[in-house]
Amino acid sequence: QVQLVESGGGLVQPGGSLRLSCAASGFTLDFYMIGWFRQAPGKQREGVSCLSISDGSTYYLDSLKGRSTISRINAKTTVYLQMNSLKPEDTAVYYCAAIPAPAALYINVEAMCLQRTLPSVSWGQGTQVTVSS
């Protein structure tokens, strides 16, 4: 399994921005499906954004459309989630998840983010994001 390490969380004021990083150790992420999920206290885990490395397709949670961007820039082992105009309701622990090929070739980003199927998924340990004044 891939080992994933998230970073970049922290305390930010409403309206601020954060860039979360998900680093895979020892593996490139070619042909993987990568997703960011979050879980707030007392709430179920929800998919925030998912990216298919193989075809570049993306999915965003409705409440984060236009405020976030998932990307892999040059580095083969790191995926980023840029979040802007953060709101208190974005406060949660954010987790990175990766689904390898060949499993990733048989699902789409929506299925991953909606958690309809997560075959062979690996999870990071999470990073706390707190949006508060």
Protein backbone atom coordinates (compact mmCIF):
# COMPACT_ATOMS: atom_id res chain seq x y z
CA GLN A 1 0.00 0.00 0.00
CA VAL A 2 0.97 3.57 -0.61
CA GLN A 3 1.88 5.62 2.44
CA LEU A 4 0.37 9.10 2.36
CA VAL A 5 1.31 12.08 4.50
CA GLU A 6 -0.80 15.22 4.60
CA SER A 7 0.47 18.64 5.58
CA GLY A 8 -0.52 22.27 5.30
CA GLY A 9 -3.40 22.40 7.71
CA GLY A 10 -3.70 24.98 10.42
CA LEU A 11 -5.71 27.86 11.82
CA VAL A 12 -6.89 30.43 9.32
CA GLN A 13 -9.31 33.33 9.52
CA PRO A 14 -12.53 33.30 7.50
CA GLY A 15 -11.79 34.37 3.96
CA GLY A 16 -8.26 33.06 4.14
CA SER A 17 -6.53 30.38 2.10
CA LEU A 18 -4.64 27.17 2.70
CA ARG A 19 -2.83 24.74 0.47
CA LEU A 20 -2.89 21.15 1.66
CA SER A 21 -0.29 18.70 0.43
CA CYS A 22 -0.52 14.93 0.13
CA ALA A 23 2.85 13.27 -0.30
CA ALA A 24 3.16 9.64 -1.32
CA SER A 25 6.26 7.94 0.00
CA GLY A 26 8.29 5.77 -2.30
CA PHE A 27 5.79 5.72 -5.15
CA THR A 28 4.78 7.90 -8.02
CA LEU A 29 1.08 8.48 -8.42
CA ASP A 30 0.80 7.69 -12.10
CA PHE A 31 -2.52 6.04 -12.95
CA TYR A 32 -3.84 6.61 -9.43
CA MET A 33 -7.09 8.18 -8.31
CA ILE A 34 -6.43 10.71 -5.53
CA GLY A 35 -9.02 12.23 -3.27
CA TRP A 36 -9.32 14.69 -0.44
CA PHE A 37 -11.94 13.96 2.19
CA ARG A 38 -12.89 15.71 5.39
CA GLN A 39 -14.63 14.89 8.62
CA ALA A 40 -15.92 17.43 11.06
CA PRO A 41 -16.81 16.51 14.65
CA GLY A 42 -20.11 14.70 14.80
CA LYS A 43 -20.42 14.53 11.03
CA GLN A 44 -19.83 11.85 8.44
CA ARG A 45 -16.79 11.88 6.24
CA GLU A 46 -17.38 13.60 2.92
CA GLY A 47 -15.43 13.80 -0.29
CA VAL A 48 -14.04 17.26 -0.98
CA SER A 49 -12.23 16.81 -4.26
CA CYS A 50 -10.96 13.93 -6.37
CA LEU A 51 -8.52 13.73 -9.24
CA SER A 52 -7.83 11.05 -11.81
CA ILE A 53 -4.10 11.17 -12.52
CA SER A 54 -4.54 9.20 -15.74
CA ASP A 55 -7.07 11.46 -17.48
CA GLY A 56 -7.04 14.64 -15.38
CA SER A 57 -10.74 14.56 -14.55
CA THR A 58 -11.78 16.21 -11.31
CA TYR A 59 -14.72 16.32 -8.95
CA TYR A 60 -15.52 18.95 -6.34
CA LEU A 61 -17.95 19.06 -3.46
CA ASP A 62 -20.61 21.60 -4.38
CA SER A 63 -19.83 23.84 -1.42
CA LEU A 64 -16.19 24.08 -2.51
CA LYS A 65 -16.67 24.56 -6.25
CA GLY A 66 -14.96 27.76 -7.31
CA ARG A 67 -13.08 27.94 -4.01
CA SER A 68 -10.74 24.99 -4.35
CA THR A 69 -8.38 23.38 -6.84
CA ILE A 70 -6.89 19.90 -6.76
CA SER A 71 -3.68 19.47 -8.70
CA ARG A 72 -0.43 17.64 -9.16
CA ILE A 73 2.18 20.12 -10.24
CA ASN A 74 5.39 18.62 -11.62
CA ALA A 75 6.09 16.55 -8.52
CA LYS A 76 5.05 13.01 -9.28
CA THR A 77 4.50 12.06 -5.67
CA THR A 78 2.52 15.03 -4.32
CA VAL A 79 -1.05 16.20 -4.82
CA TYR A 80 -2.26 19.57 -3.60
CA LEU A 81 -5.59 21.01 -2.55
CA GLN A 82 -5.71 24.77 -2.72
CA MET A 83 -8.64 26.20 -0.76
CA ASN A 84 -9.61 29.86 -0.86
CA SER A 85 -12.29 31.98 0.77
CA LEU A 86 -12.42 29.55 3.64
CA LYS A 87 -15.47 29.48 5.88
CA PRO A 88 -15.97 28.27 9.44
CA GLU A 89 -17.95 25.34 8.07
CA ASP A 90 -14.81 24.15 6.28
CA THR A 91 -13.34 23.29 9.67
CA ALA A 92 -12.53 19.59 9.74
CA VAL A 93 -9.79 17.02 9.63
CA TYR A 94 -8.78 16.63 6.00
CA TYR A 95 -7.61 13.26 4.74
CA CYS A 96 -5.87 12.25 1.56
CA ALA A 97 -6.76 8.95 -0.09
CA ALA A 98 -5.27 7.07 -3.01
CA ILE A 99 -6.60 4.28 -5.16
CA PRO A 100 -4.00 2.53 -7.33
CA ALA A 101 -4.22 1.05 -10.75
CA PRO A 102 -5.70 -1.20 -11.92
CA ALA A 103 -8.62 -0.50 -9.55
CA ALA A 104 -8.46 3.21 -10.36
CA LEU A 105 -9.06 2.49 -14.03
CA TYR A 106 -12.52 1.09 -13.30
CA ILE A 107 -14.00 3.94 -11.27
CA ASN A 108 -14.49 7.64 -11.85
CA VAL A 109 -13.78 10.65 -9.69
CA GLU A 110 -17.42 11.09 -8.74
CA ALA A 111 -17.67 7.51 -7.50
CA MET A 112 -14.58 8.00 -5.38
CA CYS A 113 -15.61 11.33 -3.89
CA LEU A 114 -19.15 10.16 -3.19
CA GLN A 115 -17.59 7.07 -1.59
CA ARG A 116 -19.69 4.70 -3.69
CA THR A 117 -16.62 2.51 -4.04
CA LEU A 118 -13.10 2.79 -2.66
CA PRO A 119 -11.24 -0.30 -3.87
CA SER A 120 -7.73 -0.86 -2.51
CA VAL A 121 -7.77 2.60 -0.94
CA SER A 122 -4.95 3.94 1.22
CA TRP A 123 -5.49 6.79 3.70
CA GLY A 124 -3.27 9.40 5.23
CA GLN A 125 -3.35 10.32 8.89
CA GLY A 126 -5.16 13.61 8.34
CA THR A 127 -4.42 17.28 8.88
CA GLN A 128 -6.57 19.65 10.92
CA VAL A 129 -8.03 22.72 9.25
CA THR A 130 -9.65 25.26 11.55
CA VAL A 131 -11.34 28.34 10.15
CA SER A 132 -12.02 30.81 12.92
CA SER A 133 -11.61 34.43 13.80
